[in-house]
Amino acid sequence: MELQTLQFHGLTKIEVAFLAQGAFNKIYNVSIDDEPFIMRVSLPADPSYKVMSEVATMDWVRRITSLPIPRIITYQSSRDNLIGFEWMLMTKMPGKPFGEILQSLSFDVKAHLIRKLAASSACLFRNQLCGIGNIYGESSAVENSTSSEKISLPRELVNTKTSVPGKDFDSGYGSVSMKKNSETPLSHPSNRGSSEEVLPDVGRIVSMQFFWDSHIHQDVYRGRFQSSKDWITARLLFNENDCHSVLKKHSASDLDSDAEDEVEEAARTLEIIDNLKSLLPLVFPIDDDNPEPSMIFHDDLSRHNILVDDNGEVTAILDWECVSALPLWKACNYPEFLNERPRHSKPLPESYKPEDNREPNELYYEHLWHYEDTLLRDIFIDEMRKLDAGWMEVFDKSQIRRDFDYAVQYCDSSVSAWNIEAWIRDMTAGISNPRSMNDRIWS
């Protein structure tokens, strides 16, 4: 969608420009009377549930933490609208992606950012939920916006053919009402973090593994899950079904080399799955009638999803799509962008061939980040020790469960198979403190 400037009855100036594209959505800059917004048009990957849960999760985290998060103005969680797809309109947050200005920030500034993320993790830990899945909001009014009570988009704005991954759609004609919607948006009490805050209920999970490819059509239970064991069993079932589909597809006797490789990998994955299912009661022995404690965990917190100003202060945490309430052993962990290759020695610029402008080359900066990343992991853990002993107790006791989770997540990866099989052998042999997956991966 090219930049458009429209005048509607001489009252409203609207500008729309394509910003970015994800696997399941397209994102647009929208300016309404010079007030900036972000609009995301979503594919129905997990119809209704994905959008509804994302809105509720952003609302909940904004209320109980000090993290700067976009505010939802309004949204449609159904395709039954003039655009023909689910969408949301939210405030546009200032700042640049942390990864883009990483090199210009001092280490102290980066450490300050890490401590802020630690504080938010401690806050979410103190607001534990029940069961594994996603949260959904109740009907209520949205928070007051600085924009007008009602914004009507003219039909010229929505009458645009827009390409999305895998298909095109025509949005149709007419106006889209952006008024405060009593059916969908959520309330924002002014008493942020109050002890009287009502905990949201956890429902059906919205997770990429549960809707990716044919998974949305598979007859696999989607929660709420009572326990880690139930959640992991469902995830393994998807991989199991995929393997059986491959074997069924190549059941004929004459196979080319590619088909033989697929069959071999499917058989290897099924063996890994069987071994993991045998270890499951050992790693997750507790399975009572009460829902397992959980907490909201942004498991895709990349450097791109953190916006900062020129001084390195966090201005926004983005991309809450598919963020779930996960078991404590999974959620009491480092932010995702800190899980990179460890490096314990600081790289020296003179050891790297300089660029034409005499600056160190990209490999130097990559190694420098790995070194700083290693130090920042320690800072994150030190901060968590100060903030919440309960969080640290979970973290310290959960390495084997995190390793098991890695094996489940990558059981169908030919790259990871050798390390997973070696870890399974150690576990089966009864080694009390097996080498961690991270050590195996980065060695």
Protein backbone atom coordinates (compact mmCIF):
# COMPACT_ATOMS: atom_id res chain seq x y z
CA MET A 1 0.00 0.00 0.00
CA GLU A 2 1.62 3.23 -1.12
CA LEU A 3 1.47 6.37 0.98
CA GLN A 4 -1.94 7.99 0.64
CA THR A 5 -3.12 11.37 1.87
CA LEU A 6 -6.90 11.65 1.98
CA GLN A 7 -9.31 14.35 2.99
CA PHE A 8 -12.71 13.22 4.26
CA HIS A 9 -15.41 15.88 4.10
CA GLY A 10 -12.64 18.43 4.78
CA LEU A 11 -12.41 17.20 8.40
CA THR A 12 -10.06 14.22 8.64
CA LYS A 13 -6.64 13.83 7.05
CA ILE A 14 -5.50 10.22 6.90
CA GLU A 15 -2.15 8.94 5.69
CA VAL A 16 -1.37 5.24 5.31
CA ALA A 17 1.98 3.69 4.45
CA PHE A 18 3.25 0.12 4.53
CA LEU A 19 5.72 -0.43 7.37
CA ALA A 20 6.60 -4.10 7.71
CA GLN A 21 5.44 -7.66 7.12
CA GLY A 22 5.44 -10.62 9.47
CA ALA A 23 4.63 -14.27 8.91
CA PHE A 24 0.97 -13.72 9.79
CA ASN A 25 0.34 -10.01 9.31
CA LYS A 26 1.12 -6.76 7.55
CA ILE A 27 1.79 -3.59 9.50
CA TYR A 28 1.00 -0.04 8.43
CA ASN A 29 1.78 3.44 9.65
CA VAL A 30 -1.51 5.32 9.95
CA SER A 31 -1.68 9.06 10.60
CA ILE A 32 -5.10 10.51 11.49
CA ASP A 33 -5.06 14.30 11.71
CA ASP A 34 -1.29 14.07 12.25
CA GLU A 35 -1.66 11.69 15.19
CA PRO A 36 0.43 8.54 14.56
CA PHE A 37 -0.96 5.02 14.95
CA ILE A 38 0.01 1.50 13.93
CA MET A 39 -2.49 -0.78 12.21
CA ARG A 40 -1.86 -4.47 11.84
CA VAL A 41 -3.91 -6.59 9.46
CA SER A 42 -3.67 -10.27 10.42
CA LEU A 43 -4.11 -13.52 8.61
CA PRO A 44 -6.60 -15.83 10.36
CA ALA A 45 -3.85 -18.20 11.52
CA ASP A 46 -5.81 -19.01 14.67
CA PRO A 47 -9.07 -17.18 13.92
CA SER A 48 -10.26 -14.75 16.59
CA TYR A 49 -8.24 -16.34 19.39
CA LYS A 50 -4.88 -14.86 18.34
CA VAL A 51 -6.06 -11.25 18.14
CA MET A 52 -8.30 -11.44 21.23
CA SER A 53 -5.52 -12.92 23.32
CA GLU A 54 -2.90 -10.45 22.14
CA VAL A 55 -5.11 -7.51 23.06
CA ALA A 56 -5.86 -8.98 26.51
CA THR A 57 -2.21 -9.80 27.16
CA MET A 58 -0.99 -6.31 26.26
CA ASP A 59 -3.71 -4.83 28.47
CA TRP A 60 -2.80 -7.04 31.42
CA VAL A 61 0.95 -6.46 31.22
CA ARG A 62 0.47 -2.70 30.85
CA ARG A 63 -1.60 -2.69 34.02
CA ILE A 64 0.66 -4.70 36.31
CA THR A 65 4.14 -3.67 35.11
CA SER A 66 5.89 -0.43 34.25
CA LEU A 67 6.82 -1.68 30.78
CA PRO A 68 5.90 0.75 28.00
CA ILE A 69 3.51 -1.15 25.74
CA PRO A 70 1.35 0.14 22.87
CA ARG A 71 -2.24 0.93 23.84
CA ILE A 72 -4.95 -0.71 21.74
CA ILE A 73 -7.38 1.89 20.39
CA THR A 74 -9.75 -0.64 18.86
CA TYR A 75 -9.67 -3.96 17.03
CA GLN A 76 -11.66 -6.55 15.12
CA SER A 77 -11.11 -10.19 16.06
CA SER A 78 -13.42 -11.40 13.28
CA ARG A 79 -13.11 -11.29 9.49
CA ASP A 80 -16.71 -10.10 9.33
CA ASN A 81 -15.79 -6.49 8.59
CA LEU A 82 -15.16 -4.30 5.57
CA ILE A 83 -11.46 -5.10 5.43
CA GLY A 84 -12.17 -8.83 5.46
CA PHE A 85 -9.40 -9.67 7.90
CA GLU A 86 -8.77 -9.36 11.62
CA TRP A 87 -6.98 -6.15 12.56
CA MET A 88 -6.01 -3.87 15.42
CA LEU A 89 -5.23 -0.17 15.70
CA MET A 90 -2.76 0.84 18.40
CA THR A 91 -0.68 3.80 19.47
CA LYS A 92 2.66 4.21 17.74
CA MET A 93 5.52 4.06 20.20
CA PRO A 94 8.67 6.20 19.88
CA GLY A 95 12.19 4.88 19.63
CA LYS A 96 14.39 2.66 17.52
CA PRO A 97 14.99 -1.09 17.76
CA PHE A 98 17.61 -1.83 20.40
CA GLY A 99 19.55 -3.95 17.91
CA GLU A 100 19.94 -1.04 15.49
CA ILE A 101 21.77 1.24 17.93
CA LEU A 102 23.42 -1.45 20.03
CA GLN A 103 26.94 -0.45 19.06
CA SER A 104 26.43 3.20 20.04
CA LEU A 105 25.27 2.42 23.60
CA SER A 106 27.61 2.04 26.55
CA PHE A 107 27.67 -1.18 28.51
CA ASP A 108 26.23 0.62 31.56
CA VAL A 109 23.21 1.67 29.49
CA LYS A 110 22.69 -1.91 28.34
CA ALA A 111 22.96 -3.11 31.94
CA HIS A 112 20.30 -0.57 32.95
CA LEU A 113 17.98 -1.96 30.27
CA ILE A 114 18.56 -5.52 31.51
CA ARG A 115 17.71 -4.50 35.09
CA LYS A 116 14.45 -2.97 33.87
CA LEU A 117 13.54 -6.23 32.12
CA ALA A 118 14.41 -8.13 35.31
CA ALA A 119 12.03 -5.91 37.28
CA SER A 120 9.20 -6.68 34.86
CA SER A 121 9.89 -10.42 35.11
CA ALA A 122 9.77 -10.20 38.90
CA CYS A 123 6.45 -8.33 38.69
CA LEU A 124 4.92 -10.93 36.38
CA PHE A 125 6.19 -13.69 38.69
CA ARG A 126 4.35 -12.04 41.59
CA ASN A 127 1.15 -12.07 39.49
CA GLN A 128 1.03 -15.79 38.82
CA LEU A 129 -1.88 -17.36 36.95
CA CYS A 130 -3.40 -20.85 36.96
CA GLY A 131 -2.81 -23.28 34.13
CA ILE A 132 -1.00 -23.05 30.81
CA GLY A 133 -2.55 -21.23 27.88
CA ASN A 134 -3.54 -17.68 26.93
CA ILE A 135 -5.60 -14.99 28.59
CA TYR A 136 -8.67 -13.32 27.12
CA GLY A 137 -10.38 -10.14 28.25
CA GLU A 138 -13.94 -9.45 29.29
CA SER A 139 -16.11 -6.88 27.55
CA SER A 140 -15.58 -3.33 28.77
CA ALA A 141 -14.67 0.13 27.52
CA VAL A 142 -11.23 1.10 26.26
CA GLU A 143 -8.98 3.55 27.97
CA ASN A 144 -9.49 7.16 26.95
CA SER A 145 -7.43 8.17 23.95
CA THR A 146 -6.01 11.52 23.04
CA SER A 147 -7.69 11.05 19.69
CA SER A 148 -11.34 11.81 19.02
CA GLU A 149 -14.14 9.60 20.34
CA LYS A 150 -14.91 8.39 16.84
CA ILE A 151 -12.67 8.06 13.83
CA SER A 152 -14.30 7.05 10.56
CA LEU A 153 -12.01 5.78 7.84
CA PRO A 154 -13.26 6.79 4.40
CA ARG A 155 -13.95 4.13 1.84
CA GLU A 156 -11.03 5.30 -0.31
CA LEU A 157 -8.68 4.29 2.51
CA VAL A 158 -9.97 0.75 2.86
CA ASN A 159 -10.65 0.23 -0.86
CA THR A 160 -7.16 -1.09 -1.52
CA LYS A 161 -5.98 -4.44 -2.77
CA THR A 162 -3.25 -5.53 -0.39
CA SER A 163 -0.99 -8.56 -0.73
CA VAL A 164 -0.34 -10.75 2.28
CA PRO A 165 1.82 -13.85 2.48
CA GLY A 166 0.37 -16.47 0.19
CA LYS A 167 -2.67 -14.56 -1.04
CA ASP A 168 -4.29 -11.25 -1.89
CA PHE A 169 -7.45 -9.74 -0.58
CA ASP A 170 -9.72 -6.87 -1.50
CA SER A 171 -10.80 -4.92 1.51
CA GLY A 172 -14.02 -3.66 -0.05
CA TYR A 173 -15.77 -0.32 0.22
CA GLY A 174 -17.18 1.81 2.97
CA SER A 175 -16.04 3.23 6.28
CA VAL A 176 -14.60 1.44 9.27
CA SER A 177 -15.79 2.80 12.61
CA MET A 178 -12.97 3.34 15.06
CA LYS A 179 -15.24 4.44 17.88
CA LYS A 180 -14.87 3.03 21.33
CA ASN A 181 -16.19 -0.47 21.00
CA SER A 182 -18.13 -1.94 23.90
CA GLU A 183 -17.76 -5.46 22.56
CA THR A 184 -14.02 -5.95 22.45
CA PRO A 185 -11.50 -3.57 24.04
CA LEU A 186 -10.49 -3.82 27.66
CA SER A 187 -10.62 -1.58 30.70
CA HIS A 188 -7.50 -0.10 32.20
CA PRO A 189 -7.94 0.67 35.92
CA SER A 190 -5.92 3.60 37.14
CA ASN A 191 -4.60 1.65 40.13
CA ARG A 192 -1.70 0.00 38.25
CA GLY A 193 -0.37 -2.97 40.17
CA SER A 194 -3.04 -2.76 42.87
CA SER A 195 -3.42 -5.70 45.21
CA GLU A 196 -7.10 -5.65 44.28
CA GLU A 197 -6.25 -6.50 40.65
CA VAL A 198 -8.34 -9.46 39.49
CA LEU A 199 -6.24 -12.18 37.90
CA PRO A 200 -7.36 -13.09 34.38
CA ASP A 201 -8.49 -16.61 33.58
CA VAL A 202 -6.28 -18.76 31.37
CA GLY A 203 -7.91 -20.41 28.37
CA ARG A 204 -7.04 -22.08 25.08
CA ILE A 205 -3.41 -21.62 24.07
CA VAL A 206 -2.34 -19.48 21.10
CA SER A 207 1.07 -20.71 20.05
CA MET A 208 2.74 -21.03 16.67
CA GLN A 209 3.27 -24.76 17.04
CA PHE A 210 -0.47 -25.16 17.60
CA PHE A 211 -1.52 -23.49 14.33
CA TRP A 212 1.52 -23.72 12.05
CA ASP A 213 1.02 -25.51 8.71
CA SER A 214 -1.66 -28.20 9.14
CA HIS A 215 -1.58 -28.08 12.93
CA ILE A 216 -4.63 -25.83 13.19
CA HIS A 217 -6.66 -28.66 11.64
CA GLN A 218 -5.25 -31.50 13.75
CA ASP A 219 -7.37 -32.97 16.50
CA VAL A 220 -5.05 -32.02 19.36
CA TYR A 221 -6.26 -30.54 22.65
CA ARG A 222 -5.36 -26.83 22.96
CA GLY A 223 -5.95 -26.10 26.61
CA ARG A 224 -6.20 -24.68 29.09
CA PHE A 225 -3.57 -27.20 30.15
CA GLN A 226 -3.58 -28.24 33.79
CA SER A 227 0.09 -29.20 33.87
CA SER A 228 3.41 -29.07 32.06
CA LYS A 229 2.99 -32.76 31.31
CA ASP A 230 -0.29 -32.11 29.46
CA TRP A 231 1.18 -29.17 27.53
CA ILE A 232 4.27 -31.10 26.47
CA THR A 233 2.23 -34.16 25.49
CA ALA A 234 0.16 -32.02 23.11
CA ARG A 235 3.28 -30.51 21.55
CA LEU A 236 4.83 -33.93 21.01
CA LEU A 237 1.62 -35.16 19.42
CA PHE A 238 1.91 -32.53 16.67
CA ASN A 239 5.41 -33.75 15.82
CA GLU A 240 4.25 -37.35 15.98
CA ASN A 241 1.38 -36.64 13.59
CA ASP A 242 3.73 -34.86 11.18
CA CYS A 243 6.08 -37.83 11.14
CA HIS A 244 3.28 -40.30 10.46
CA SER A 245 2.08 -38.07 7.61
CA VAL A 246 5.54 -38.22 6.04
CA LEU A 247 5.72 -42.01 6.39
CA LYS A 248 2.25 -42.39 4.92
CA LYS A 249 3.12 -40.11 1.99
CA HIS A 250 6.20 -42.19 1.18
CA SER A 251 4.74 -45.63 1.83
CA ALA A 252 5.52 -46.80 -1.70
CA SER A 253 8.61 -48.96 -2.12
CA ASP A 254 10.37 -46.88 -4.80
CA LEU A 255 11.73 -43.71 -3.21
CA ASP A 256 14.13 -41.11 -4.56
CA SER A 257 16.96 -39.80 -2.40
CA ASP A 258 14.97 -36.83 -1.05
CA ALA A 259 12.08 -39.09 -0.02
CA GLU A 260 14.50 -41.50 1.63
CA ASP A 261 15.96 -38.63 3.65
CA GLU A 262 12.46 -37.54 4.74
CA VAL A 263 11.56 -41.06 5.82
CA GLU A 264 14.84 -41.46 7.70
CA GLU A 265 14.35 -38.15 9.53
CA ALA A 266 10.74 -38.99 10.39
CA ALA A 267 11.76 -42.36 11.82
CA ARG A 268 14.55 -40.71 13.83
CA THR A 269 12.16 -38.06 15.17
CA LEU A 270 9.63 -40.72 16.22
CA GLU A 271 12.34 -42.55 18.15
CA ILE A 272 13.31 -39.29 19.93
CA ILE A 273 9.64 -38.63 20.73
CA ASP A 274 9.20 -42.13 22.18
CA ASN A 275 12.26 -41.62 24.39
CA LEU A 276 11.03 -38.21 25.56
CA LYS A 277 7.61 -39.66 26.39
CA SER A 278 9.36 -42.32 28.51
CA LEU A 279 11.31 -39.59 30.37
CA LEU A 280 8.31 -37.30 30.82
CA PRO A 281 7.11 -38.78 34.16
CA LEU A 282 10.67 -38.61 35.50
CA VAL A 283 11.18 -34.93 34.64
CA PHE A 284 7.61 -33.84 35.46
CA PRO A 285 6.48 -36.21 38.21
CA ILE A 286 3.87 -33.97 39.86
CA ASP A 287 0.48 -34.03 38.18
CA ASP A 288 -2.32 -33.30 40.68
CA ASP A 289 -5.83 -31.96 40.17
CA ASN A 290 -4.89 -28.31 40.70
CA PRO A 291 -3.85 -26.20 37.71
CA GLU A 292 -0.10 -25.62 37.64
CA PRO A 293 1.07 -22.07 38.43
CA SER A 294 2.07 -20.06 35.37
CA MET A 295 3.02 -16.53 34.38
CA ILE A 296 3.00 -14.39 31.26
CA PHE A 297 6.31 -14.80 29.44
CA HIS A 298 7.35 -12.96 26.26
CA ASP A 299 9.27 -15.85 24.69
CA ASP A 300 10.19 -13.88 21.54
CA LEU A 301 11.82 -10.86 23.16
CA SER A 302 14.39 -10.13 20.48
CA ARG A 303 16.55 -7.02 20.10
CA HIS A 304 14.18 -5.97 17.32
CA ASN A 305 11.15 -6.04 19.66
CA ILE A 306 12.68 -3.63 22.18
CA LEU A 307 12.51 0.07 21.26
CA VAL A 308 14.85 2.54 22.95
CA ASP A 309 15.56 6.25 22.67
CA ASP A 310 18.97 7.71 21.78
CA ASN A 311 20.01 7.40 25.43
CA GLY A 312 19.12 3.71 25.57
CA GLU A 313 16.01 4.11 27.72
CA VAL A 314 13.31 1.58 26.89
CA THR A 315 10.41 3.25 25.07
CA ALA A 316 8.42 0.16 24.06
CA ILE A 317 8.21 -3.62 24.20
CA LEU A 318 6.57 -4.90 21.03
CA ASP A 319 5.16 -8.06 19.41
CA TRP A 320 2.88 -9.67 21.99
CA GLU A 321 1.43 -12.03 19.40
CA CYS A 322 1.30 -15.61 20.76
CA VAL A 323 2.60 -14.60 24.20
CA SER A 324 1.19 -17.17 26.62
CA ALA A 325 0.93 -17.99 30.30
CA LEU A 326 3.69 -20.59 30.61
CA PRO A 327 4.83 -22.80 33.50
CA LEU A 328 7.19 -21.13 35.94
CA TRP A 329 10.16 -23.31 35.04
CA LYS A 330 9.85 -22.07 31.45
CA ALA A 331 9.12 -18.42 32.26
CA CYS A 332 11.75 -17.92 34.97
CA ASN A 333 14.47 -17.54 32.39
CA TYR A 334 16.61 -15.02 30.54
CA PRO A 335 15.05 -12.73 27.94
CA GLU A 336 15.36 -14.50 24.60
CA PHE A 337 17.93 -12.10 23.11
CA LEU A 338 20.39 -12.99 25.89
CA ASN A 339 20.45 -16.67 24.90
CA GLU A 340 23.34 -16.37 22.45
CA ARG A 341 26.76 -17.96 22.17
CA PRO A 342 28.74 -17.37 25.39
CA ARG A 343 32.08 -15.60 25.11
CA HIS A 344 34.25 -15.01 28.17
CA SER A 345 37.09 -12.99 26.67
CA LYS A 346 36.68 -9.45 25.34
CA PRO A 347 37.59 -9.22 21.65
CA LEU A 348 40.37 -6.80 20.69
CA PRO A 349 39.67 -4.56 17.66
CA GLU A 350 43.24 -4.87 16.41
CA SER A 351 42.75 -8.63 16.06
CA TYR A 352 40.22 -8.10 13.28
CA LYS A 353 40.80 -6.94 9.74
CA PRO A 354 39.47 -3.36 9.51
CA GLU A 355 36.96 -2.14 6.98
CA ASP A 356 37.94 0.38 4.31
CA ASN A 357 37.01 3.21 6.70
CA ARG A 358 39.43 1.70 9.27
CA GLU A 359 36.54 0.70 11.55
CA PRO A 360 36.50 -2.88 12.93
CA ASN A 361 34.58 -5.32 10.76
CA GLU A 362 31.21 -6.86 11.58
CA LEU A 363 32.74 -10.01 13.06
CA TYR A 364 34.37 -7.92 15.78
CA TYR A 365 31.03 -6.35 16.73
CA GLU A 366 29.36 -9.77 16.70
CA HIS A 367 31.98 -11.15 19.07
CA LEU A 368 31.78 -8.02 21.22
CA TRP A 369 28.02 -8.52 21.59
CA HIS A 370 28.53 -12.18 22.52
CA TYR A 371 30.96 -11.05 25.23
CA GLU A 372 28.62 -8.35 26.52
CA ASP A 373 25.66 -10.73 26.24
CA THR A 374 27.50 -13.16 28.53
CA LEU A 375 28.09 -10.41 31.09
CA LEU A 376 24.50 -9.18 30.82
CA ARG A 377 23.19 -12.67 31.62
CA ASP A 378 25.07 -12.50 34.91
CA ILE A 379 23.69 -9.01 35.58
CA PHE A 380 20.15 -10.23 34.89
CA ILE A 381 20.54 -13.14 37.33
CA ASP A 382 22.18 -10.94 39.98
CA GLU A 383 19.26 -8.53 39.70
CA MET A 384 16.72 -11.34 39.99
CA ARG A 385 18.47 -12.57 43.16
CA LYS A 386 17.90 -9.12 44.66
CA LEU A 387 14.32 -8.78 43.43
CA ASP A 388 12.71 -12.15 44.07
CA ALA A 389 14.10 -15.20 45.85
CA GLY A 390 11.15 -17.29 44.65
CA TRP A 391 11.95 -16.57 41.00
CA MET A 392 15.56 -17.57 41.59
CA GLU A 393 14.58 -20.76 43.37
CA VAL A 394 12.56 -21.82 40.32
CA PHE A 395 15.40 -20.86 37.96
CA ASP A 396 18.05 -22.73 39.94
CA LYS A 397 16.00 -25.93 40.06
CA SER A 398 14.76 -25.99 36.46
CA GLN A 399 17.76 -26.70 34.22
CA ILE A 400 16.72 -30.28 33.39
CA ARG A 401 13.18 -29.12 32.62
CA ARG A 402 14.53 -26.40 30.33
CA ASP A 403 16.69 -28.99 28.61
CA PHE A 404 13.70 -31.29 28.20
CA ASP A 405 11.72 -28.37 26.73
CA TYR A 406 14.51 -27.72 24.21
CA ALA A 407 14.42 -31.38 23.19
CA VAL A 408 10.65 -31.17 22.68
CA GLN A 409 10.90 -27.96 20.66
CA TYR A 410 13.65 -29.23 18.35
CA CYS A 411 12.96 -32.97 18.30
CA ASP A 412 12.35 -32.78 14.52
CA SER A 413 15.51 -30.78 13.77
CA SER A 414 18.28 -32.71 12.06
CA VAL A 415 20.77 -30.10 13.32
CA SER A 416 19.80 -30.63 16.97
CA ALA A 417 19.11 -34.38 16.85
CA TRP A 418 22.60 -35.52 17.84
CA ASN A 419 22.71 -33.32 20.96
CA ILE A 420 19.18 -34.31 21.95
CA GLU A 421 19.96 -38.02 21.56
CA ALA A 422 23.13 -37.62 23.65
CA TRP A 423 21.19 -35.81 26.38
CA ILE A 424 18.52 -38.54 26.37
CA ARG A 425 21.20 -41.21 26.75
CA ASP A 426 22.63 -39.40 29.79
CA MET A 427 19.19 -39.03 31.33
CA THR A 428 18.29 -42.66 30.67
CA ALA A 429 21.59 -43.76 32.23
CA GLY A 430 20.58 -41.96 35.42
CA ILE A 431 23.26 -39.25 35.36
CA SER A 432 22.09 -36.88 38.08
CA ASN A 433 23.55 -33.69 36.59
CA PRO A 434 23.73 -34.19 32.82
CA ARG A 435 25.50 -31.65 30.67
CA SER A 436 23.03 -28.91 29.75
CA MET A 437 21.68 -28.39 26.26
CA ASN A 438 23.29 -24.94 26.07
CA ASP A 439 26.71 -26.41 26.82
CA ARG A 440 26.18 -29.06 24.18
CA ILE A 441 24.95 -26.59 21.56
CA TRP A 442 27.70 -24.00 21.98
CA SER A 443 30.65 -26.34 22.58
